C-alpha atoms as a PDB file:
ATOM      1  CA  UNK A   1     -61.555-127.305-128.458  1.00  0.00           C
ATOM      2  CA  UNK A   2     -63.819-125.084-126.393  1.00  0.00           C
ATOM      3  CA  UNK A   3     -61.308-122.247-126.488  1.00  0.00           C
ATOM      4  CA  UNK A   4     -61.013-122.237-130.286  1.00  0.00           C
ATOM      5  CA  UNK A   5     -64.322-120.573-131.202  1.00  0.00           C
ATOM      6  CA  UNK A   6     -63.696-117.902-128.554  1.00  0.00           C
ATOM      7  CA  UNK A   7     -60.275-117.222-130.050  1.00  0.00           C
ATOM      8  CA  UNK A   8     -61.848-116.831-133.462  1.00  0.00           C
ATOM      9  CA  UNK A   9     -64.504-114.491-132.148  1.00  0.00           C
ATOM     10  CA  UNK A  10     -62.009-112.168-130.513  1.00  0.00           C
ATOM     11  CA  UNK A  11     -60.204-111.831-133.858  1.00  0.00           C
ATOM     12  CA  UNK A  12     -63.179-109.942-135.242  1.00  0.00           C
ATOM     13  CA  UNK A  13     -62.641-106.194-135.216  1.00  0.00           C
ATOM     14  CA  UNK A  14     -64.908-104.080-133.044  1.00  0.00           C
ATOM     15  CA  UNK A  15     -66.317-102.623-136.269  1.00  0.00           C
ATOM     16  CA  UNK A  16     -67.279-106.053-137.592  1.00  0.00           C
ATOM     17  CA  UNK A  17     -68.791-106.996-134.229  1.00  0.00           C
ATOM     18  CA  UNK A  18     -70.723-103.721-134.192  1.00  0.00           C
ATOM     19  CA  UNK A  19     -72.177-104.466-137.627  1.00  0.00           C
ATOM     20  CA  UNK A  20     -73.831-107.561-136.106  1.00  0.00           C
ATOM     21  CA  UNK A  21     -75.934-105.343-133.819  1.00  0.00           C
ATOM     22  CA  UNK A  22     -76.281-101.988-135.597  1.00  0.00           C
ATOM     23  CA  UNK A  23     -76.345-100.689-139.161  1.00  0.00           C
ATOM     24  CA  UNK A  24     -73.129 -98.719-139.631  1.00  0.00           C
ATOM     25  CA  UNK A  25     -73.388 -95.456-141.563  1.00  0.00           C
ATOM     26  CA  UNK A  26     -70.449 -93.417-142.878  1.00  0.00           C
ATOM     27  CA  UNK A  27     -70.503 -89.834-141.619  1.00  0.00           C
ATOM     28  CA  UNK A  28     -68.313 -88.482-144.409  1.00  0.00           C
ATOM     29  CA  UNK A  29     -68.259 -87.133-147.938  1.00  0.00           C
ATOM     30  CA  UNK A  30     -65.039 -89.033-148.641  1.00  0.00           C
ATOM     31  CA  UNK A  31     -65.715 -91.826-151.141  1.00  0.00           C
ATOM     32  CA  UNK A  32     -62.434 -93.583-150.405  1.00  0.00           C
ATOM     33  CA  UNK A  33     -63.322 -93.919-146.711  1.00  0.00           C
ATOM     34  CA  UNK A  34     -66.651 -95.472-147.689  1.00  0.00           C
ATOM     35  CA  UNK A  35     -64.915 -97.991-149.927  1.00  0.00           C
ATOM     36  CA  UNK A  36     -62.520 -98.929-147.128  1.00  0.00           C
ATOM     37  CA  UNK A  37     -64.986 -99.360-144.243  1.00  0.00           C
ATOM     38  CA  UNK A  38     -67.974-100.654-146.245  1.00  0.00           C
ATOM     39  CA  UNK A  39     -70.857 -98.997-144.375  1.00  0.00           C
ATOM     40  CA  UNK A  40     -74.442 -99.861-145.291  1.00  0.00           C
ATOM     41  CA  UNK A  41     -75.630 -96.252-145.507  1.00  0.00           C
ATOM     42  CA  UNK A  42     -73.985 -92.835-145.729  1.00  0.00           C
ATOM     43  CA  UNK A  43     -74.918 -89.307-144.778  1.00  0.00           C
ATOM     44  CA  UNK A  44     -74.002 -85.886-146.087  1.00  0.00           C
ATOM     45  CA  UNK A  45     -74.455 -82.341-144.809  1.00  0.00           C
ATOM     46  CA  UNK A  46     -73.285 -78.879-145.948  1.00  0.00           C
ATOM     47  CA  UNK A  47     -70.116 -79.147-143.842  1.00  0.00           C
ATOM     48  CA  UNK A  48     -69.133 -82.469-145.443  1.00  0.00           C
ATOM     49  CA  UNK A  49     -69.912 -81.262-148.971  1.00  0.00           C
ATOM     50  CA  UNK A  50     -67.959 -78.039-148.359  1.00  0.00           C
ATOM     51  CA  UNK A  51     -64.972 -80.101-147.239  1.00  0.00           C
ATOM     52  CA  UNK A  52     -65.245 -82.471-150.206  1.00  0.00           C
ATOM     53  CA  UNK A  53     -65.723 -79.634-152.714  1.00  0.00           C
ATOM     54  CA  UNK A  54     -62.295 -78.281-151.737  1.00  0.00           C
ATOM     55  CA  UNK A  55     -60.622 -81.607-152.625  1.00  0.00           C
ATOM     56  CA  UNK A  56     -59.088 -81.940-156.080  1.00  0.00           C
ATOM     57  CA  UNK A  57     -60.478 -85.430-156.665  1.00  0.00           C
ATOM     58  CA  UNK A  58     -64.046 -84.076-156.510  1.00  0.00           C
ATOM     59  CA  UNK A  59     -63.599 -81.101-158.858  1.00  0.00           C
ATOM     60  CA  UNK A  60     -65.311 -82.948-161.706  1.00  0.00           C
ATOM     61  CA  UNK A  61     -68.485 -83.112-159.607  1.00  0.00           C
ATOM     62  CA  UNK A  62     -68.306 -79.392-158.912  1.00  0.00           C
ATOM     63  CA  UNK A  63     -67.720 -78.681-162.609  1.00  0.00           C
ATOM     64  CA  UNK A  64     -70.710 -80.819-163.608  1.00  0.00           C
ATOM     65  CA  UNK A  65     -72.978 -79.082-161.082  1.00  0.00           C
ATOM     66  CA  UNK A  66     -71.925 -75.635-162.295  1.00  0.00           C
ATOM     67  CA  UNK A  67     -72.435 -76.577-165.947  1.00  0.00           C
ATOM     68  CA  UNK A  68     -75.963 -77.755-165.114  1.00  0.00           C
ATOM     69  CA  UNK A  69     -76.693 -74.584-163.121  1.00  0.00           C
ATOM     70  CA  UNK A  70     -75.570 -72.258-165.916  1.00  0.00           C
ATOM     71  CA  UNK A  71     -78.185 -73.844-168.159  1.00  0.00           C
ATOM     72  CA  UNK A  72     -80.902 -74.069-165.489  1.00  0.00           C
ATOM     73  CA  UNK A  73     -80.596 -70.600-163.917  1.00  0.00           C
ATOM     74  CA  UNK A  74     -80.795 -67.182-165.568  1.00  0.00           C
ATOM     75  CA  UNK A  75     -79.424 -65.085-162.685  1.00  0.00           C
ATOM     76  CA  UNK A  76     -76.345 -65.622-160.523  1.00  0.00           C
ATOM     77  CA  UNK A  77     -78.591 -66.285-157.504  1.00  0.00           C
ATOM     78  CA  UNK A  78     -80.566 -68.914-159.400  1.00  0.00           C
ATOM     79  CA  UNK A  79     -77.369 -70.527-160.673  1.00  0.00           C
ATOM     80  CA  UNK A  80     -75.909 -70.702-157.161  1.00  0.00           C
ATOM     81  CA  UNK A  81     -79.107 -72.311-155.846  1.00  0.00           C
ATOM     82  CA  UNK A  82     -79.186 -74.820-158.718  1.00  0.00           C
ATOM     83  CA  UNK A  83     -75.511 -75.675-158.157  1.00  0.00           C
ATOM     84  CA  UNK A  84     -76.166 -76.366-154.471  1.00  0.00           C
ATOM     85  CA  UNK A  85     -79.052 -78.688-155.283  1.00  0.00           C
ATOM     86  CA  UNK A  86     -77.109 -80.475-158.001  1.00  0.00           C
ATOM     87  CA  UNK A  87     -74.061 -80.886-155.755  1.00  0.00           C
ATOM     88  CA  UNK A  88     -76.237 -82.642-153.173  1.00  0.00           C
ATOM     89  CA  UNK A  89     -77.633 -84.947-155.839  1.00  0.00           C
ATOM     90  CA  UNK A  90     -74.330 -85.687-157.601  1.00  0.00           C
ATOM     91  CA  UNK A  91     -72.524 -86.458-154.351  1.00  0.00           C
ATOM     92  CA  UNK A  92     -75.476 -88.628-153.385  1.00  0.00           C
ATOM     93  CA  UNK A  93     -75.335 -90.501-156.708  1.00  0.00           C
ATOM     94  CA  UNK A  94     -71.599 -91.172-156.337  1.00  0.00           C
ATOM     95  CA  UNK A  95     -72.097 -92.410-152.775  1.00  0.00           C
ATOM     96  CA  UNK A  96     -74.887 -94.756-153.873  1.00  0.00           C
ATOM     97  CA  UNK A  97     -72.471 -96.396-156.326  1.00  0.00           C
ATOM     98  CA  UNK A  98     -70.369 -97.436-153.318  1.00  0.00           C
ATOM     99  CA  UNK A  99     -72.881 -98.339-150.593  1.00  0.00           C
ATOM    100  CA  UNK A 100     -75.723-100.880-150.736  1.00  0.00           C
ATOM    101  CA  UNK A 101     -78.190 -98.816-148.685  1.00  0.00           C
ATOM    102  CA  UNK A 102     -79.384 -95.226-148.497  1.00  0.00           C
ATOM    103  CA  UNK A 103     -77.817 -91.785-148.534  1.00  0.00           C
ATOM    104  CA  UNK A 104     -79.104 -88.901-146.405  1.00  0.00           C
ATOM    105  CA  UNK A 105     -79.302 -85.574-148.238  1.00  0.00           C
ATOM    106  CA  UNK A 106     -79.786 -82.350-146.299  1.00  0.00           C
ATOM    107  CA  UNK A 107     -82.338 -79.636-146.986  1.00  0.00           C
ATOM    108  CA  UNK A 108     -80.877 -76.128-146.641  1.00  0.00           C
ATOM    109  CA  UNK A 109     -80.734 -75.327-142.903  1.00  0.00           C
ATOM    110  CA  UNK A 110     -82.055 -71.833-143.649  1.00  0.00           C
ATOM    111  CA  UNK A 111     -85.429 -73.466-144.364  1.00  0.00           C
ATOM    112  CA  UNK A 112     -85.592 -74.980-140.875  1.00  0.00           C
ATOM    113  CA  UNK A 113     -88.567 -72.836-139.849  1.00  0.00           C
ATOM    114  CA  UNK A 114     -90.431 -72.982-143.177  1.00  0.00           C
ATOM    115  CA  UNK A 115     -92.501 -76.141-143.538  1.00  0.00           C
ATOM    116  CA  UNK A 116     -93.750 -75.501-147.082  1.00  0.00           C
ATOM    117  CA  UNK A 117     -90.352 -74.475-148.463  1.00  0.00           C
ATOM    118  CA  UNK A 118     -88.773 -77.553-146.881  1.00  0.00           C
ATOM    119  CA  UNK A 119     -91.355 -79.803-148.523  1.00  0.00           C
ATOM    120  CA  UNK A 120     -90.834 -78.135-151.913  1.00  0.00           C
ATOM    121  CA  UNK A 121     -87.033 -78.469-151.666  1.00  0.00           C
ATOM    122  CA  UNK A 122     -87.271 -82.132-150.668  1.00  0.00           C
ATOM    123  CA  UNK A 123     -89.559 -82.955-153.601  1.00  0.00           C
ATOM    124  CA  UNK A 124     -87.234 -81.089-155.979  1.00  0.00           C
ATOM    125  CA  UNK A 125     -84.197 -83.061-154.778  1.00  0.00           C
ATOM    126  CA  UNK A 126     -86.057 -86.373-155.077  1.00  0.00           C
ATOM    127  CA  UNK A 127     -87.120 -85.447-158.632  1.00  0.00           C
ATOM    128  CA  UNK A 128     -83.531 -84.640-159.658  1.00  0.00           C
ATOM    129  CA  UNK A 129     -82.376 -87.966-158.215  1.00  0.00           C
ATOM    130  CA  UNK A 130     -85.100 -89.650-160.283  1.00  0.00           C
ATOM    131  CA  UNK A 131     -83.632 -88.055-163.436  1.00  0.00           C
ATOM    132  CA  UNK A 132     -80.408 -89.906-162.585  1.00  0.00           C
ATOM    133  CA  UNK A 133     -82.255 -93.183-162.126  1.00  0.00           C
ATOM    134  CA  UNK A 134     -82.180 -93.161-158.310  1.00  0.00           C
ATOM    135  CA  UNK A 135     -85.393 -94.295-156.641  1.00  0.00           C
ATOM    136  CA  UNK A 136     -86.660 -92.346-153.639  1.00  0.00           C
ATOM    137  CA  UNK A 137     -86.387 -95.461-151.461  1.00  0.00           C
ATOM    138  CA  UNK A 138     -82.607 -94.996-151.478  1.00  0.00           C
ATOM    139  CA  UNK A 139     -82.781 -91.382-150.296  1.00  0.00           C
ATOM    140  CA  UNK A 140     -83.369 -89.973-146.824  1.00  0.00           C
ATOM    141  CA  UNK A 141     -84.198 -86.271-146.765  1.00  0.00           C
ATOM    142  CA  UNK A 142     -82.505 -84.624-143.791  1.00  0.00           C
ATOM    143  CA  UNK A 143     -84.427 -81.924-141.955  1.00  0.00           C
ATOM    144  CA  UNK A 144     -83.687 -80.106-138.706  1.00  0.00           C
ATOM    145  CA  UNK A 145     -85.825 -81.274-135.775  1.00  0.00           C
ATOM    146  CA  UNK A 146     -87.712 -78.004-135.418  1.00  0.00           C
ATOM    147  CA  UNK A 147     -91.503 -78.176-135.172  1.00  0.00           C
ATOM    148  CA  UNK A 148     -91.704 -77.051-138.805  1.00  0.00           C
ATOM    149  CA  UNK A 149     -89.106 -79.577-139.917  1.00  0.00           C
ATOM    150  CA  UNK A 150     -90.927 -82.410-138.175  1.00  0.00           C
ATOM    151  CA  UNK A 151     -94.277 -81.413-139.704  1.00  0.00           C
ATOM    152  CA  UNK A 152     -92.666 -81.143-143.144  1.00  0.00           C
ATOM    153  CA  UNK A 153     -91.323 -84.674-142.670  1.00  0.00           C
ATOM    154  CA  UNK A 154     -94.750 -85.909-141.577  1.00  0.00           C
ATOM    155  CA  UNK A 155     -96.278 -84.641-144.824  1.00  0.00           C
ATOM    156  CA  UNK A 156     -93.413 -85.879-146.987  1.00  0.00           C
ATOM    157  CA  UNK A 157     -93.710 -89.366-145.496  1.00  0.00           C
ATOM    158  CA  UNK A 158     -97.512 -89.588-145.603  1.00  0.00           C
ATOM    159  CA  UNK A 159     -98.395 -87.805-148.847  1.00  0.00           C
ATOM    160  CA  UNK A 160     -95.324 -88.337-150.994  1.00  0.00           C
ATOM    161  CA  UNK A 161     -93.709 -91.533-149.700  1.00  0.00           C
ATOM    162  CA  UNK A 162     -90.444 -89.644-149.178  1.00  0.00           C
ATOM    163  CA  UNK A 163     -88.395 -90.973-146.274  1.00  0.00           C
ATOM    164  CA  UNK A 164     -86.910 -88.466-143.859  1.00  0.00           C
ATOM    165  CA  UNK A 165     -84.001 -88.263-141.431  1.00  0.00           C
ATOM    166  CA  UNK A 166     -84.606 -85.725-138.654  1.00  0.00           C
ATOM    167  CA  UNK A 167     -81.275 -84.275-137.616  1.00  0.00           C
ATOM    168  CA  UNK A 168     -80.022 -81.840-134.957  1.00  0.00           C
ATOM    169  CA  UNK A 169     -82.006 -83.780-132.382  1.00  0.00           C
ATOM    170  CA  UNK A 170     -81.035 -83.238-128.738  1.00  0.00           C
ATOM    171  CA  UNK A 171     -84.118 -83.801-126.598  1.00  0.00           C
ATOM    172  CA  UNK A 172     -86.603 -86.501-125.713  1.00  0.00           C
ATOM    173  CA  UNK A 173     -89.454 -84.213-126.771  1.00  0.00           C
ATOM    174  CA  UNK A 174     -88.005 -83.717-130.239  1.00  0.00           C
ATOM    175  CA  UNK A 175     -87.747 -87.505-130.480  1.00  0.00           C
ATOM    176  CA  UNK A 176     -91.351 -88.015-129.322  1.00  0.00           C
ATOM    177  CA  UNK A 177     -92.662 -85.490-131.875  1.00  0.00           C
ATOM    178  CA  UNK A 178     -90.720 -87.303-134.626  1.00  0.00           C
ATOM    179  CA  UNK A 179     -92.128 -90.682-133.605  1.00  0.00           C
ATOM    180  CA  UNK A 180     -95.672 -89.294-133.565  1.00  0.00           C
ATOM    181  CA  UNK A 181     -95.047 -87.890-137.062  1.00  0.00           C
ATOM    182  CA  UNK A 182     -94.030 -91.398-138.244  1.00  0.00           C
ATOM    183  CA  UNK A 183     -90.722 -90.234-139.687  1.00  0.00           C
ATOM    184  CA  UNK A 184     -88.359 -92.920-140.926  1.00  0.00           C
ATOM    185  CA  UNK A 185     -85.269 -91.992-138.924  1.00  0.00           C
ATOM    186  CA  UNK A 186     -83.903 -89.625-136.297  1.00  0.00           C
ATOM    187  CA  UNK A 187     -80.273 -88.605-135.721  1.00  0.00           C
ATOM    188  CA  UNK A 188     -79.665 -87.664-132.076  1.00  0.00           C
ATOM    189  CA  UNK A 189     -76.280 -85.920-131.737  1.00  0.00           C
ATOM    190  CA  UNK A 190     -74.387 -87.727-128.989  1.00  0.00           C
ATOM    191  CA  UNK A 191     -71.154 -85.755-129.102  1.00  0.00           C
ATOM    192  CA  UNK A 192     -72.737 -82.314-129.239  1.00  0.00           C
ATOM    193  CA  UNK A 193     -74.780 -83.130-126.144  1.00  0.00           C
ATOM    194  CA  UNK A 194     -71.572 -84.148-124.382  1.00  0.00           C
ATOM    195  CA  UNK A 195     -69.842 -80.949-125.552  1.00  0.00           C
ATOM    196  CA  UNK A 196     -72.547 -78.814-123.947  1.00  0.00           C
ATOM    197  CA  UNK A 197     -72.381 -80.605-120.612  1.00  0.00           C
ATOM    198  CA  UNK A 198     -68.586 -80.538-120.495  1.00  0.00           C
ATOM    199  CA  UNK A 199     -68.640 -76.790-121.188  1.00  0.00           C
ATOM    200  CA  UNK A 200     -71.318 -76.058-118.586  1.00  0.00           C
ATOM    201  CA  UNK A 201     -70.281 -78.446-115.802  1.00  0.00           C
ATOM    202  CA  UNK A 202     -66.478 -78.529-116.360  1.00  0.00           C
ATOM    203  CA  UNK A 203     -66.694 -82.270-115.660  1.00  0.00           C
ATOM    204  CA  UNK A 204     -65.345 -85.237-117.581  1.00  0.00           C
ATOM    205  CA  UNK A 205     -67.637 -88.165-118.288  1.00  0.00           C
ATOM    206  CA  UNK A 206     -66.990 -91.871-118.658  1.00  0.00           C
ATOM    207  CA  UNK A 207     -68.830 -93.447-121.586  1.00  0.00           C
ATOM    208  CA  UNK A 208     -71.505 -95.030-119.349  1.00  0.00           C
ATOM    209  CA  UNK A 209     -72.362 -91.640-117.805  1.00  0.00           C
ATOM    210  CA  UNK A 210     -71.943 -89.656-121.047  1.00  0.00           C
ATOM    211  CA  UNK A 211     -75.030 -87.366-121.272  1.00  0.00           C
ATOM    212  CA  UNK A 212     -75.267 -87.983-125.034  1.00  0.00           C
ATOM    213  CA  UNK A 213     -75.181 -91.747-124.551  1.00  0.00           C
ATOM    214  CA  UNK A 214     -77.822 -91.549-121.817  1.00  0.00           C
ATOM    215  CA  UNK A 215     -80.052 -89.360-124.009  1.00  0.00           C
ATOM    216  CA  UNK A 216     -79.932 -91.731-126.986  1.00  0.00           C
ATOM    217  CA  UNK A 217     -80.427 -94.755-124.727  1.00  0.00           C
ATOM    218  CA  UNK A 218     -83.578 -93.193-123.295  1.00  0.00           C
ATOM    219  CA  UNK A 219     -84.943 -92.368-126.763  1.00  0.00           C
ATOM    220  CA  UNK A 220     -84.161 -95.859-128.086  1.00  0.00           C
ATOM    221  CA  UNK A 221     -85.838 -97.517-125.104  1.00  0.00           C
ATOM    222  CA  UNK A 222     -88.909 -95.282-125.415  1.00  0.00           C
ATOM    223  CA  UNK A 223     -89.323 -96.092-129.116  1.00  0.00           C
ATOM    224  CA  UNK A 224     -88.962 -99.839-128.573  1.00  0.00           C
ATOM    225  CA  UNK A 225     -91.157 -99.864-125.457  1.00  0.00           C
ATOM    226  CA  UNK A 226     -94.077 -98.309-127.330  1.00  0.00           C
ATOM    227  CA  UNK A 227     -93.512 -99.963-130.699  1.00  0.00           C
ATOM    228  CA  UNK A 228     -92.671 -96.929-132.805  1.00  0.00           C
ATOM    229  CA  UNK A 229     -91.321 -97.734-136.266  1.00  0.00           C
ATOM    230  CA  UNK A 230     -89.071 -94.655-136.371  1.00  0.00           C
ATOM    231  CA  UNK A 231     -85.453 -95.770-136.205  1.00  0.00           C
ATOM    232  CA  UNK A 232     -82.737 -94.227-134.048  1.00  0.00           C
ATOM    233  CA  UNK A 233     -79.358 -93.370-135.576  1.00  0.00           C
ATOM    234  CA  UNK A 234     -76.804 -92.193-133.033  1.00  0.00           C
ATOM    235  CA  UNK A 235     -74.620 -89.465-134.567  1.00  0.00           C
ATOM    236  CA  UNK A 236     -71.827 -86.988-133.853  1.00  0.00           C
ATOM    237  CA  UNK A 237     -69.537 -89.189-131.785  1.00  0.00           C
ATOM    238  CA  UNK A 238     -66.506 -87.873-129.932  1.00  0.00           C
ATOM    239  CA  UNK A 239     -64.911 -91.236-129.097  1.00  0.00           C
ATOM    240  CA  UNK A 240     -65.340 -94.971-129.578  1.00  0.00           C
ATOM    241  CA  UNK A 241     -66.478 -95.405-125.969  1.00  0.00           C
ATOM    242  CA  UNK A 242     -69.746 -93.641-126.834  1.00  0.00           C
ATOM    243  CA  UNK A 243     -70.214 -95.971-129.797  1.00  0.00           C
ATOM    244  CA  UNK A 244     -69.564 -99.096-127.737  1.00  0.00           C
ATOM    245  CA  UNK A 245     -72.170 -98.007-125.163  1.00  0.00           C
ATOM    246  CA  UNK A 246     -74.749 -97.687-127.944  1.00  0.00           C
ATOM    247  CA  UNK A 247     -74.084-101.058-129.619  1.00  0.00           C
ATOM    248  CA  UNK A 248     -77.499-102.320-130.687  1.00  0.00           C
ATOM    249  CA  UNK A 249     -78.874 -98.899-131.595  1.00  0.00           C
ATOM    250  CA  UNK A 250     -80.714 -99.227-134.935  1.00  0.00           C
ATOM    251  CA  UNK A 251     -78.050 -97.281-136.809  1.00  0.00           C
ATOM    252  CA  UNK A 252     -74.825 -95.478-135.884  1.00  0.00           C
ATOM    253  CA  UNK A 253     -73.253 -92.866-138.169  1.00  0.00           C
ATOM    254  CA  UNK A 254     -69.510 -92.734-137.607  1.00  0.00           C
ATOM    255  CA  UNK A 255     -66.643 -90.571-138.906  1.00  0.00           C
ATOM    256  CA  UNK A 256     -63.704 -92.181-140.789  1.00  0.00           C
ATOM    257  CA  UNK A 257     -61.340 -91.512-137.860  1.00  0.00           C
ATOM    258  CA  UNK A 258     -63.513 -93.468-135.439  1.00  0.00           C
ATOM    259  CA  UNK A 259     -64.280 -96.146-138.042  1.00  0.00           C
ATOM    260  CA  UNK A 260     -60.530 -96.643-138.317  1.00  0.00           C
ATOM    261  CA  UNK A 261     -60.176 -97.002-134.536  1.00  0.00           C
ATOM    262  CA  UNK A 262     -63.013 -99.533-134.423  1.00  0.00           C
ATOM    263  CA  UNK A 263     -61.521-101.501-137.310  1.00  0.00           C
ATOM    264  CA  UNK A 264     -58.101-101.580-135.621  1.00  0.00           C
ATOM    265  CA  UNK A 265     -59.371-102.972-132.309  1.00  0.00           C
ATOM    266  CA  UNK A 266     -60.267-106.601-131.589  1.00  0.00           C
ATOM    267  CA  UNK A 267     -61.684-106.117-128.100  1.00  0.00           C
ATOM    268  CA  UNK A 268     -64.897-108.047-127.476  1.00  0.00           C
ATOM    269  CA  UNK A 269     -68.076-106.014-127.897  1.00  0.00           C
ATOM    270  CA  UNK A 270     -71.361-106.648-126.114  1.00  0.00           C
ATOM    271  CA  UNK A 271     -74.784-105.533-127.248  1.00  0.00           C
ATOM    272  CA  UNK A 272     -76.034-102.817-124.902  1.00  0.00           C
ATOM    273  CA  UNK A 273     -79.329-101.640-126.431  1.00  0.00           C
ATOM    274  CA  UNK A 274     -81.939-104.322-126.992  1.00  0.00           C
ATOM    275  CA  UNK A 275     -85.694-104.119-127.758  1.00  0.00           C
ATOM    276  CA  UNK A 276     -86.387-107.020-125.371  1.00  0.00           C
ATOM    277  CA  UNK A 277     -84.831-105.127-122.467  1.00  0.00           C
ATOM    278  CA  UNK A 278     -86.646-101.925-123.453  1.00  0.00           C
ATOM    279  CA  UNK A 279     -89.993-103.722-123.402  1.00  0.00           C
ATOM    280  CA  UNK A 280     -89.522-104.497-119.691  1.00  0.00           C
ATOM    281  CA  UNK A 281     -88.917-100.887-118.631  1.00  0.00           C
ATOM    282  CA  UNK A 282     -91.439 -98.811-116.717  1.00  0.00           C
ATOM    283  CA  UNK A 283     -92.008 -95.737-118.914  1.00  0.00           C
ATOM    284  CA  UNK A 284     -94.911 -93.362-119.460  1.00  0.00           C
ATOM    285  CA  UNK A 285     -96.130 -92.644-122.994  1.00  0.00           C
ATOM    286  CA  UNK A 286     -96.313 -88.953-123.895  1.00  0.00           C
ATOM    287  CA  UNK A 287     -98.244 -87.152-126.645  1.00  0.00           C
ATOM    288  CA  UNK A 288     -97.375 -83.638-127.820  1.00  0.00           C
ATOM    289  CA  UNK A 289     -99.081 -80.762-129.586  1.00  0.00           C
ATOM    290  CA  UNK A 290     -97.174 -77.781-130.966  1.00  0.00           C
ATOM    291  CA  UNK A 291     -97.468 -75.642-127.826  1.00  0.00           C
ATOM    292  CA  UNK A 292     -96.253 -78.496-125.595  1.00  0.00           C
ATOM    293  CA  UNK A 293     -93.357 -79.255-127.947  1.00  0.00           C
ATOM    294  CA  UNK A 294     -92.203 -75.638-127.969  1.00  0.00           C
ATOM    295  CA  UNK A 295     -92.545 -75.336-124.188  1.00  0.00           C
ATOM    296  CA  UNK A 296     -90.595 -78.496-123.376  1.00  0.00           C
ATOM    297  CA  UNK A 297     -87.876 -77.572-125.889  1.00  0.00           C
ATOM    298  CA  UNK A 298     -87.653 -74.092-124.383  1.00  0.00           C
ATOM    299  CA  UNK A 299     -87.299 -75.615-120.904  1.00  0.00           C
ATOM    300  CA  UNK A 300     -84.316 -77.689-122.077  1.00  0.00           C
ATOM    301  CA  UNK A 301     -81.452 -75.194-122.304  1.00  0.00           C
ATOM    302  CA  UNK A 302     -79.018 -77.715-123.766  1.00  0.00           C
ATOM    303  CA  UNK A 303     -81.377 -78.786-126.568  1.00  0.00           C
ATOM    304  CA  UNK A 304     -82.362 -75.190-127.348  1.00  0.00           C
ATOM    305  CA  UNK A 305     -78.728 -74.050-127.447  1.00  0.00           C
ATOM    306  CA  UNK A 306     -77.510 -76.951-129.580  1.00  0.00           C
ATOM    307  CA  UNK A 307     -80.437 -76.892-132.024  1.00  0.00           C
ATOM    308  CA  UNK A 308     -80.009 -73.192-132.786  1.00  0.00           C
ATOM    309  CA  UNK A 309     -76.213 -73.516-132.853  1.00  0.00           C
ATOM    310  CA  UNK A 310     -76.410 -76.472-135.249  1.00  0.00           C
ATOM    311  CA  UNK A 311     -78.751 -74.649-137.627  1.00  0.00           C
ATOM    312  CA  UNK A 312     -76.461 -71.590-137.612  1.00  0.00           C
ATOM    313  CA  UNK A 313     -73.353 -73.693-138.315  1.00  0.00           C
ATOM    314  CA  UNK A 314     -74.948 -75.625-141.188  1.00  0.00           C
ATOM    315  CA  UNK A 315     -76.263 -72.337-142.614  1.00  0.00           C
ATOM    316  CA  UNK A 316     -72.789 -70.767-142.296  1.00  0.00           C
ATOM    317  CA  UNK A 317     -71.210 -73.666-144.207  1.00  0.00           C
ATOM    318  CA  UNK A 318     -73.891 -73.375-146.889  1.00  0.00           C
ATOM    319  CA  UNK A 319     -73.045 -69.681-147.281  1.00  0.00           C
ATOM    320  CA  UNK A 320     -69.331 -70.582-147.577  1.00  0.00           C
ATOM    321  CA  UNK A 321     -70.231 -73.088-150.269  1.00  0.00           C
ATOM    322  CA  UNK A 322     -72.252 -70.400-152.060  1.00  0.00           C
ATOM    323  CA  UNK A 323     -69.231 -68.054-151.988  1.00  0.00           C
ATOM    324  CA  UNK A 324     -67.071 -70.782-153.523  1.00  0.00           C
ATOM    325  CA  UNK A 325     -69.700 -71.449-156.200  1.00  0.00           C
ATOM    326  CA  UNK A 326     -70.041 -67.742-157.077  1.00  0.00           C
ATOM    327  CA  UNK A 327     -66.273 -67.525-157.592  1.00  0.00           C
ATOM    328  CA  UNK A 328     -66.324 -70.585-159.861  1.00  0.00           C
ATOM    329  CA  UNK A 329     -69.328 -69.297-161.806  1.00  0.00           C
ATOM    330  CA  UNK A 330     -67.484 -66.051-162.450  1.00  0.00           C
ATOM    331  CA  UNK A 331     -64.493 -67.963-163.861  1.00  0.00           C
ATOM    332  CA  UNK A 332     -66.407 -70.299-166.179  1.00  0.00           C
END
């Protein structure tokens, strides 16, 4: 008899076991993948929307966004901007029909160093969602973890009750600034941290020594040790080993490929990150002003490289999306 419950437990997929410890988020714009793996939340970014916009099954969303933009904008530039905003909202609305939780919607990466413009864009997106009957509680506004992005999030959270997801986060000091700003959520990029170290050290890393895993573990422990409400969502995974080592992290956003691997495996999974363990750690609390934030970020070559690289790549995909939209506007 004693072996029977154990046998039943091991029949649970790794994905189902993971859902007992962490909120699973779909890192995709593919609605079918969301339906299959049943994540709680989902996230979008310009790269995912660009990919989805090229798929035939999503053309009706693109057509609807362009129709709206032609009425809302008088110049081509205005129409392109309105289409981009509406695409973010329409994809978000479709995703929210599938998932029970929240969708993260990204502010244009080209606003990453403009606090006021970021705030204005976030409020505009939330207002458009409201026109479609979506309450702001179901939206997370994604902003890059620059000083300006973090301060924009601080104001959005405090003055407007708009919840924010700080993305492109690679350093402990970015994480500390986000916690001090009382943002809802941060998205440290596990895989991109690993990529940088592999490129610069020419080494391979087991999951336990993975620099991205170690970085997120440290951030998680710091937040729990000092009672911050900001949640940690590990992102940008390269393999399931990284995910397993972060079981227990508040949230984990995972691509369909890795969700499939987790769903196909029935290996036992143990919780690794735990607030009770974090509370016992010997850590020093740090407070940052703008000058200290910029200095510490500058001292961290990896974080500086990956933050700027991430902003450039998201901006490049936004420009590609704009080119696609201009071509469609010219046709219609």
